[in-house]
Amino acid sequence: MLRSLIILLSVFSAFSLIGNEETSVAKKSLESKSNDKNDKQQKEDVSDELSGKNTVDIRLKIITSHIKNLEASMKPYTESIFGTGEKFEMIPIPSGQFFMGSPENENDRSESEGPVNEVKISPFWMAKTETTWNCYTLFMYAEEEKMVMKIRGYKPGLNKVSDAVARPTTPYVEMSFGMGTDGFPAISMTQHAANMYCKWLSAKTGHYYRLPTEAEWEYACRAGTKTAFSFGDDEKLIDEYAWYGDNSDEKYQKVGTKKPNPWGLHDMHGNVSEWVLDQFFEDGYNKYNEIVSDPFIYGKELYPRVTRGGSWMDSPADLRSAARYPSSEDWKEQDPQLPQSIWYHTDAQFLGFRVVRPLIIPSSEEMHKYWTTEGEPD
């Protein structure tokens, strides 16, 4: 009996060992399959990652090559506003790199102009002069635009696309304030109004226009120079290049009557300050720790936004290439309307703008982003 029990226990132990070995083998097999699967997945993930990276690199190379080929063909041109007879000139601005901001040893610099950052800029065209009343009035007064088109033999019905763009309300004062209109810079518009003009102009011409970014503006103003002004550091030369407080006879002057900068742009220093797209931050340049391409600080708040170039009211220090000035709600102080107008800064009789046209047309979404002033209705 005892012998039979021992034999039975031995057999049971043997089956247990076999079962444990089979379980161990099965477990190892499952682990092996799992590891194989993980290895395969990792290889696929790495392959996908490399494939994506290669796709991005290839696309970037193609785009870069495409831009270079197109940039080589960029030339100055004259743009016509359809059906009106009004024209303005555009100057090609080459791609490149520059140091944005002013060095600490520059006379009259502001802390908001630093630290200096190296910036890459893509090619674009910029208006040779500030936008004039001749062009801007057509946008301000839709009926005047229609009348001009009828006189010139065009049907106003051809304006279906541009007529869909929001237009300014009728101003409650004469907006040139007696300083002149024919050939003079348009003034006292909000950034929203300037953006809507760009949208309207794009619809009229079939070319994409917008305000410049702050980086594009300074790059174009400097025109390859590293000095306080595009003509050097000597303020004694400023009368040749700019209308400012000491020579303007207390009003703005006709555009393009002073010497241009090295790239052929007039009035980048003085005459009227110019809107750019960016939000104004005193320490805005601190966020760039390395070379940055086409920087743009999108505005989430209505005030302050950046203006550049200085005006007929200012001292030479305010006309430097790196000088920047914040917009203010005080520029609507005399506006009697409630709510105050989204179109006019009646107290900013020193403020205008000029347009740019990027070489590469952005997506529709990006177009509208550049045209939109948050804080004001679209």
Protein backbone atom coordinates (compact mmCIF):
# COMPACT_ATOMS: atom_id res chain seq x y z
CA MET A 1 0.00 0.00 0.00
CA LEU A 2 2.76 2.40 0.96
CA ARG A 3 4.70 1.43 -2.19
CA SER A 4 1.64 2.17 -4.34
CA LEU A 5 1.24 5.60 -2.69
CA ILE A 6 4.90 6.48 -3.35
CA ILE A 7 4.54 5.48 -7.01
CA LEU A 8 1.38 7.58 -7.30
CA LEU A 9 3.07 10.65 -5.77
CA SER A 10 6.05 10.22 -8.09
CA VAL A 11 3.81 10.13 -11.15
CA PHE A 12 1.92 13.22 -9.93
CA SER A 13 5.22 15.07 -9.35
CA ALA A 14 6.41 14.14 -12.81
CA PHE A 15 3.21 15.48 -14.40
CA SER A 16 3.56 18.64 -12.28
CA LEU A 17 7.11 19.17 -13.48
CA ILE A 18 6.05 18.59 -17.08
CA GLY A 19 3.17 21.03 -16.59
CA ASN A 20 5.48 23.64 -15.10
CA GLU A 21 7.96 23.19 -17.91
CA GLU A 22 5.19 23.49 -20.50
CA THR A 23 3.89 26.61 -18.75
CA SER A 24 7.39 28.05 -18.62
CA VAL A 25 7.95 27.27 -22.31
CA ALA A 26 4.58 28.78 -23.21
CA LYS A 27 5.33 31.85 -21.15
CA LYS A 28 8.72 32.25 -22.79
CA SER A 29 7.11 31.80 -26.19
CA LEU A 30 4.55 34.49 -25.44
CA GLU A 31 7.26 36.81 -24.12
CA SER A 32 9.32 36.15 -27.24
CA LYS A 33 6.36 36.89 -29.49
CA SER A 34 5.63 40.02 -27.46
CA ASN A 35 9.23 41.16 -27.75
CA ASP A 36 9.20 40.42 -31.47
CA LYS A 37 5.99 42.41 -31.79
CA ASN A 38 7.46 45.31 -29.77
CA ASP A 39 10.63 45.25 -31.83
CA LYS A 40 8.58 45.26 -35.01
CA GLN A 41 6.42 48.11 -33.74
CA GLN A 42 9.46 50.09 -32.69
CA LYS A 43 11.01 49.54 -36.09
CA GLU A 44 7.77 50.67 -37.74
CA ASP A 45 7.61 53.75 -35.46
CA VAL A 46 11.21 54.64 -36.25
CA SER A 47 10.53 54.05 -39.94
CA ASP A 48 7.45 56.27 -39.81
CA GLU A 49 9.39 58.93 -37.93
CA LEU A 50 12.26 58.85 -40.40
CA SER A 51 9.81 58.82 -43.29
CA GLY A 52 8.01 61.86 -41.86
CA LYS A 53 11.29 63.65 -41.22
CA ASN A 54 12.49 62.87 -44.72
CA THR A 55 9.18 64.10 -46.14
CA VAL A 56 9.50 67.35 -44.21
CA ASP A 57 13.15 67.78 -45.24
CA ILE A 58 12.34 67.05 -48.88
CA ARG A 59 9.36 69.42 -48.85
CA LEU A 60 11.48 72.14 -47.23
CA LYS A 61 14.18 71.65 -49.85
CA ILE A 62 11.62 71.84 -52.66
CA ILE A 63 10.00 74.98 -51.20
CA THR A 64 13.40 76.63 -50.63
CA SER A 65 14.45 75.85 -54.20
CA HIS A 66 11.10 77.10 -55.50
CA ILE A 67 11.41 80.36 -53.57
CA LYS A 68 14.95 80.94 -54.86
CA ASN A 69 13.81 80.43 -58.44
CA LEU A 70 10.87 82.77 -58.00
CA GLU A 71 12.89 85.35 -56.07
CA ALA A 72 15.35 85.64 -58.94
CA SER A 73 12.50 86.88 -61.13
CA MET A 74 11.20 89.53 -58.67
CA LYS A 75 11.17 93.01 -60.15
CA PRO A 76 9.65 96.38 -59.27
CA TYR A 77 6.14 96.80 -60.61
CA THR A 78 3.29 99.25 -60.66
CA GLU A 79 -0.05 98.03 -59.30
CA SER A 80 -3.31 99.41 -60.67
CA ILE A 81 -6.50 99.55 -58.63
CA PHE A 82 -9.03 98.15 -61.06
CA GLY A 83 -11.36 100.63 -62.75
CA THR A 84 -10.09 103.71 -60.89
CA GLY A 85 -6.92 104.84 -62.62
CA GLU A 86 -5.06 104.93 -59.30
CA LYS A 87 -1.67 103.23 -59.12
CA PHE A 88 1.16 102.66 -56.67
CA GLU A 89 4.67 101.24 -56.98
CA MET A 90 6.02 98.07 -55.33
CA ILE A 91 9.71 97.36 -54.67
CA PRO A 92 11.17 93.82 -54.33
CA ILE A 93 12.79 93.11 -50.96
CA PRO A 94 15.25 90.18 -51.14
CA SER A 95 15.37 87.40 -48.58
CA GLY A 96 18.18 87.55 -46.05
CA GLN A 97 19.30 87.82 -42.45
CA PHE A 98 19.79 90.88 -40.26
CA PHE A 99 20.22 91.92 -36.65
CA MET A 100 16.88 93.25 -35.40
CA GLY A 101 16.87 95.84 -32.63
CA SER A 102 19.45 98.36 -31.47
CA PRO A 103 22.77 97.72 -29.68
CA GLU A 104 23.10 98.99 -26.12
CA ASN A 105 25.56 101.70 -27.19
CA GLU A 106 23.21 103.29 -29.75
CA ASN A 107 22.28 106.85 -28.87
CA ASP A 108 18.70 107.43 -27.70
CA ARG A 109 17.81 103.73 -27.76
CA SER A 110 14.92 102.35 -25.72
CA GLU A 111 15.06 99.17 -23.65
CA SER A 112 12.21 97.78 -25.77
CA GLU A 113 14.57 97.72 -28.77
CA GLY A 114 16.64 94.89 -27.35
CA PRO A 115 18.24 92.53 -27.00
CA VAL A 116 19.46 92.39 -30.59
CA ASN A 117 18.37 89.20 -32.37
CA GLU A 118 19.44 87.63 -35.64
CA VAL A 119 16.42 87.18 -37.89
CA LYS A 120 15.79 85.48 -41.24
CA ILE A 121 13.31 87.14 -43.60
CA SER A 122 11.57 85.64 -46.64
CA PRO A 123 11.29 87.72 -49.85
CA PHE A 124 8.41 90.15 -50.40
CA TRP A 125 7.49 93.34 -52.16
CA MET A 126 6.93 96.57 -50.23
CA ALA A 127 5.19 99.75 -51.34
CA LYS A 128 7.67 102.38 -52.43
CA THR A 129 5.79 104.99 -50.40
CA GLU A 130 3.17 105.23 -47.72
CA THR A 131 -0.43 104.65 -48.82
CA THR A 132 -1.87 107.91 -50.16
CA TRP A 133 -5.31 109.47 -49.83
CA ASN A 134 -5.69 108.94 -53.59
CA CYS A 135 -5.90 105.18 -53.01
CA TYR A 136 -7.32 105.10 -49.50
CA THR A 137 -10.28 107.38 -50.24
CA LEU A 138 -11.58 104.83 -52.78
CA PHE A 139 -11.78 102.34 -49.91
CA MET A 140 -13.27 104.83 -47.45
CA TYR A 141 -16.07 105.96 -49.74
CA ALA A 142 -17.70 103.17 -51.74
CA GLU A 143 -19.95 105.59 -53.62
CA GLU A 144 -16.97 107.64 -54.73
CA GLU A 145 -15.29 104.48 -56.03
CA LYS A 146 -18.44 103.57 -58.01
CA MET A 147 -18.67 107.08 -59.44
CA VAL A 148 -15.02 107.02 -60.57
CA MET A 149 -15.55 103.62 -62.22
CA LYS A 150 -18.66 104.84 -64.07
CA ILE A 151 -16.82 107.91 -65.34
CA ARG A 152 -14.03 105.67 -66.60
CA GLY A 153 -16.50 103.34 -68.35
CA TYR A 154 -16.43 100.41 -65.91
CA LYS A 155 -19.44 98.70 -64.43
CA PRO A 156 -19.47 98.88 -60.59
CA GLY A 157 -21.03 95.40 -60.64
CA LEU A 158 -17.54 94.08 -61.39
CA ASN A 159 -16.72 94.87 -57.72
CA LYS A 160 -18.70 91.95 -56.29
CA VAL A 161 -15.73 90.47 -54.41
CA SER A 162 -14.30 93.73 -53.07
CA ASP A 163 -17.77 95.03 -52.16
CA ALA A 164 -18.08 92.15 -49.70
CA VAL A 165 -15.25 93.64 -47.61
CA ALA A 166 -16.30 95.83 -44.67
CA ARG A 167 -15.78 99.56 -45.29
CA PRO A 168 -15.32 102.49 -42.90
CA THR A 169 -18.28 104.45 -41.62
CA THR A 170 -18.48 108.07 -42.73
CA PRO A 171 -16.01 110.10 -40.64
CA TYR A 172 -17.36 112.91 -38.47
CA VAL A 173 -14.47 115.26 -39.37
CA GLU A 174 -12.41 115.95 -42.50
CA MET A 175 -9.69 113.34 -42.05
CA SER A 176 -6.75 115.14 -43.69
CA PHE A 177 -7.24 118.04 -41.23
CA GLY A 178 -6.39 120.48 -44.00
CA MET A 179 -2.90 119.09 -44.58
CA GLY A 180 -3.60 117.96 -48.15
CA THR A 181 -4.86 114.87 -49.98
CA ASP A 182 -3.48 114.58 -53.54
CA GLY A 183 -0.19 112.72 -53.20
CA PHE A 184 -0.19 112.96 -49.40
CA PRO A 185 -0.21 110.02 -46.97
CA ALA A 186 -3.55 108.80 -45.60
CA ILE A 187 -3.66 109.14 -41.81
CA SER A 188 -5.59 108.51 -38.59
CA MET A 189 -6.89 105.04 -39.39
CA THR A 190 -7.01 102.22 -36.85
CA GLN A 191 -5.02 99.06 -37.45
CA HIS A 192 -8.36 97.37 -38.18
CA ALA A 193 -9.05 99.92 -40.92
CA ALA A 194 -5.57 99.43 -42.41
CA ASN A 195 -6.09 95.65 -42.38
CA MET A 196 -9.47 95.96 -44.10
CA TYR A 197 -7.91 98.22 -46.72
CA CYS A 198 -5.37 95.46 -47.44
CA LYS A 199 -8.20 92.94 -47.75
CA TRP A 200 -10.15 95.24 -50.09
CA LEU A 201 -7.01 95.97 -52.12
CA SER A 202 -6.35 92.25 -52.50
CA ALA A 203 -9.88 91.73 -53.80
CA LYS A 204 -9.52 94.64 -56.24
CA THR A 205 -6.12 93.63 -57.65
CA GLY A 206 -5.96 89.84 -57.35
CA HIS A 207 -2.67 90.11 -55.43
CA TYR A 208 -2.39 89.34 -51.71
CA TYR A 209 -1.57 92.48 -49.73
CA ARG A 210 -1.22 92.98 -45.98
CA LEU A 211 0.57 95.11 -43.43
CA PRO A 212 4.24 94.24 -42.82
CA THR A 213 5.32 92.41 -39.71
CA GLU A 214 7.59 94.41 -37.41
CA ALA A 215 10.59 92.31 -38.50
CA GLU A 216 9.82 92.81 -42.21
CA TRP A 217 9.47 96.55 -41.66
CA GLU A 218 12.81 96.97 -39.87
CA TYR A 219 14.57 94.69 -42.37
CA ALA A 220 13.27 96.78 -45.28
CA CYS A 221 14.05 100.04 -43.47
CA ARG A 222 17.64 99.06 -42.74
CA ALA A 223 18.14 97.84 -46.31
CA GLY A 224 21.34 96.02 -45.42
CA THR A 225 22.68 98.68 -43.05
CA LYS A 226 23.57 98.26 -39.36
CA THR A 227 23.57 101.94 -38.41
CA ALA A 228 21.00 103.99 -36.49
CA PHE A 229 19.48 105.22 -39.76
CA SER A 230 19.55 103.69 -43.23
CA PHE A 231 21.81 106.60 -44.28
CA GLY A 232 24.30 106.10 -41.42
CA ASP A 233 24.70 107.40 -37.87
CA ASP A 234 25.06 111.09 -38.70
CA GLU A 235 21.81 112.91 -37.77
CA LYS A 236 23.00 115.95 -39.73
CA LEU A 237 22.00 114.13 -42.94
CA ILE A 238 18.42 113.56 -41.83
CA ASP A 239 16.97 116.55 -43.70
CA GLU A 240 17.86 114.82 -46.97
CA TYR A 241 15.89 111.69 -46.10
CA ALA A 242 13.04 112.55 -43.76
CA TRP A 243 10.24 114.91 -42.80
CA TYR A 244 10.33 115.39 -39.04
CA GLY A 245 9.63 117.98 -36.35
CA ASP A 246 12.28 120.53 -37.42
CA ASN A 247 11.58 120.64 -41.17
CA SER A 248 7.95 119.57 -41.71
CA ASP A 249 6.25 122.95 -41.23
CA GLU A 250 4.01 121.21 -38.64
CA LYS A 251 2.25 118.93 -41.12
CA TYR A 252 2.84 115.84 -43.22
CA GLN A 253 4.29 116.25 -46.72
CA LYS A 254 3.82 114.60 -50.12
CA VAL A 255 5.18 111.07 -50.25
CA GLY A 256 8.42 110.30 -52.08
CA THR A 257 9.86 113.82 -51.99
CA LYS A 258 12.90 112.92 -49.86
CA LYS A 259 15.78 110.59 -50.79
CA PRO A 260 15.03 106.84 -50.63
CA ASN A 261 16.91 104.27 -48.59
CA PRO A 262 19.40 101.90 -50.34
CA TRP A 263 16.57 99.62 -51.51
CA GLY A 264 14.53 102.44 -53.04
CA LEU A 265 11.93 102.94 -50.29
CA HIS A 266 10.90 106.50 -49.45
CA ASP A 267 9.82 107.92 -46.09
CA MET A 268 10.82 104.93 -43.98
CA HIS A 269 12.16 107.60 -41.65
CA GLY A 270 9.53 110.21 -40.81
CA ASN A 271 6.58 111.82 -42.62
CA VAL A 272 4.02 109.51 -40.96
CA SER A 273 4.52 106.66 -38.51
CA GLU A 274 3.46 103.32 -39.96
CA TRP A 275 1.33 100.48 -38.67
CA VAL A 276 2.85 97.00 -38.51
CA LEU A 277 1.03 93.81 -37.53
CA ASP A 278 2.64 92.92 -34.21
CA GLN A 279 1.47 93.26 -30.63
CA PHE A 280 3.75 95.60 -28.67
CA PHE A 281 5.61 94.13 -25.69
CA GLU A 282 8.37 96.03 -23.88
CA ASP A 283 10.33 92.78 -23.54
CA GLY A 284 9.10 91.16 -26.74
CA TYR A 285 12.60 90.53 -28.10
CA ASN A 286 13.59 88.47 -25.05
CA LYS A 287 11.66 85.47 -26.33
CA TYR A 288 14.10 84.91 -29.22
CA ASN A 289 17.14 82.92 -28.04
CA GLU A 290 18.39 81.82 -31.45
CA ILE A 291 18.08 82.73 -35.11
CA VAL A 292 14.37 83.00 -35.87
CA SER A 293 12.64 82.98 -39.26
CA ASP A 294 9.93 85.52 -40.11
CA PRO A 295 8.94 86.32 -36.50
CA PHE A 296 5.49 87.76 -35.85
CA ILE A 297 3.90 88.43 -32.46
CA TYR A 298 0.19 87.95 -33.13
CA GLY A 299 -2.01 90.46 -31.32
CA LYS A 300 -4.52 89.14 -28.79
CA GLU A 301 -5.14 92.54 -27.20
CA LEU A 302 -6.25 95.64 -29.09
CA TYR A 303 -3.70 97.83 -27.31
CA PRO A 304 -0.86 98.33 -27.67
CA ARG A 305 0.17 97.43 -31.22
CA VAL A 306 3.46 98.47 -32.84
CA THR A 307 4.04 101.51 -35.04
CA ARG A 308 7.34 102.28 -36.75
CA GLY A 309 9.35 105.00 -38.48
CA GLY A 310 8.47 108.16 -36.58
CA SER A 311 6.60 111.11 -38.08
CA TRP A 312 6.51 114.76 -39.08
CA MET A 313 5.95 115.61 -35.40
CA ASP A 314 8.96 113.74 -33.98
CA SER A 315 12.63 114.24 -33.18
CA PRO A 316 15.36 112.38 -35.13
CA ALA A 317 15.75 109.86 -32.28
CA ASP A 318 12.20 108.61 -32.94
CA LEU A 319 13.01 108.07 -36.61
CA ARG A 320 15.82 105.53 -36.08
CA SER A 321 15.54 102.17 -37.86
CA ALA A 322 15.04 100.27 -34.57
CA ALA A 323 12.71 102.79 -32.88
CA ARG A 324 9.28 101.41 -31.99
CA TYR A 325 6.24 103.07 -30.52
CA PRO A 326 3.09 101.52 -28.96
CA SER A 327 -0.44 102.43 -30.05
CA SER A 328 -2.82 103.88 -27.47
CA GLU A 329 -6.55 104.14 -26.90
CA ASP A 330 -5.88 107.83 -26.21
CA TRP A 331 -5.66 108.22 -29.98
CA LYS A 332 -9.49 108.11 -29.94
CA GLU A 333 -9.83 110.63 -27.10
CA GLN A 334 -11.72 113.26 -29.13
CA ASP A 335 -14.04 110.73 -30.78
CA PRO A 336 -17.55 111.80 -29.64
CA GLN A 337 -19.21 108.56 -30.77
CA LEU A 338 -20.38 105.93 -28.32
CA PRO A 339 -19.10 103.34 -28.79
CA GLN A 340 -16.02 104.94 -30.30
CA SER A 341 -15.25 104.22 -33.95
CA ILE A 342 -13.42 101.05 -34.92
CA TRP A 343 -12.14 102.86 -38.04
CA TYR A 344 -10.55 106.12 -36.92
CA HIS A 345 -7.81 107.31 -34.55
CA THR A 346 -8.76 110.96 -34.89
CA ASP A 347 -6.02 112.07 -32.50
CA ALA A 348 -3.29 110.19 -34.42
CA GLN A 349 -2.74 112.67 -37.22
CA PHE A 350 0.82 111.37 -37.48
CA LEU A 351 -0.12 107.76 -38.29
CA GLY A 352 -0.40 105.95 -41.64
CA PHE A 353 0.81 102.70 -43.24
CA ARG A 354 2.25 101.02 -46.31
CA VAL A 355 1.50 97.58 -47.74
CA VAL A 356 3.58 94.50 -48.49
CA ARG A 357 3.01 91.52 -50.76
CA PRO A 358 4.73 88.23 -49.77
CA LEU A 359 6.33 86.27 -52.61
CA ILE A 360 4.68 83.04 -51.40
CA ILE A 361 0.89 83.21 -51.11
CA PRO A 362 -0.23 81.83 -47.73
CA SER A 363 -3.25 79.63 -47.07
CA SER A 364 -6.68 81.23 -46.86
CA GLU A 365 -6.63 80.72 -43.09
CA GLU A 366 -3.28 82.53 -42.76
CA MET A 367 -4.48 85.35 -45.02
CA HIS A 368 -7.40 86.09 -42.76
CA LYS A 369 -5.21 85.79 -39.66
CA TYR A 370 -3.02 88.62 -40.95
CA TRP A 371 -6.08 90.69 -41.88
CA THR A 372 -7.79 90.25 -38.51
CA THR A 373 -7.37 92.69 -35.63
CA GLU A 374 -8.46 90.93 -32.45
CA GLY A 375 -10.45 93.24 -30.22
CA GLU A 376 -12.19 94.73 -33.25
CA PRO A 377 -14.84 92.95 -35.35
CA ASP A 378 -13.67 91.14 -38.49
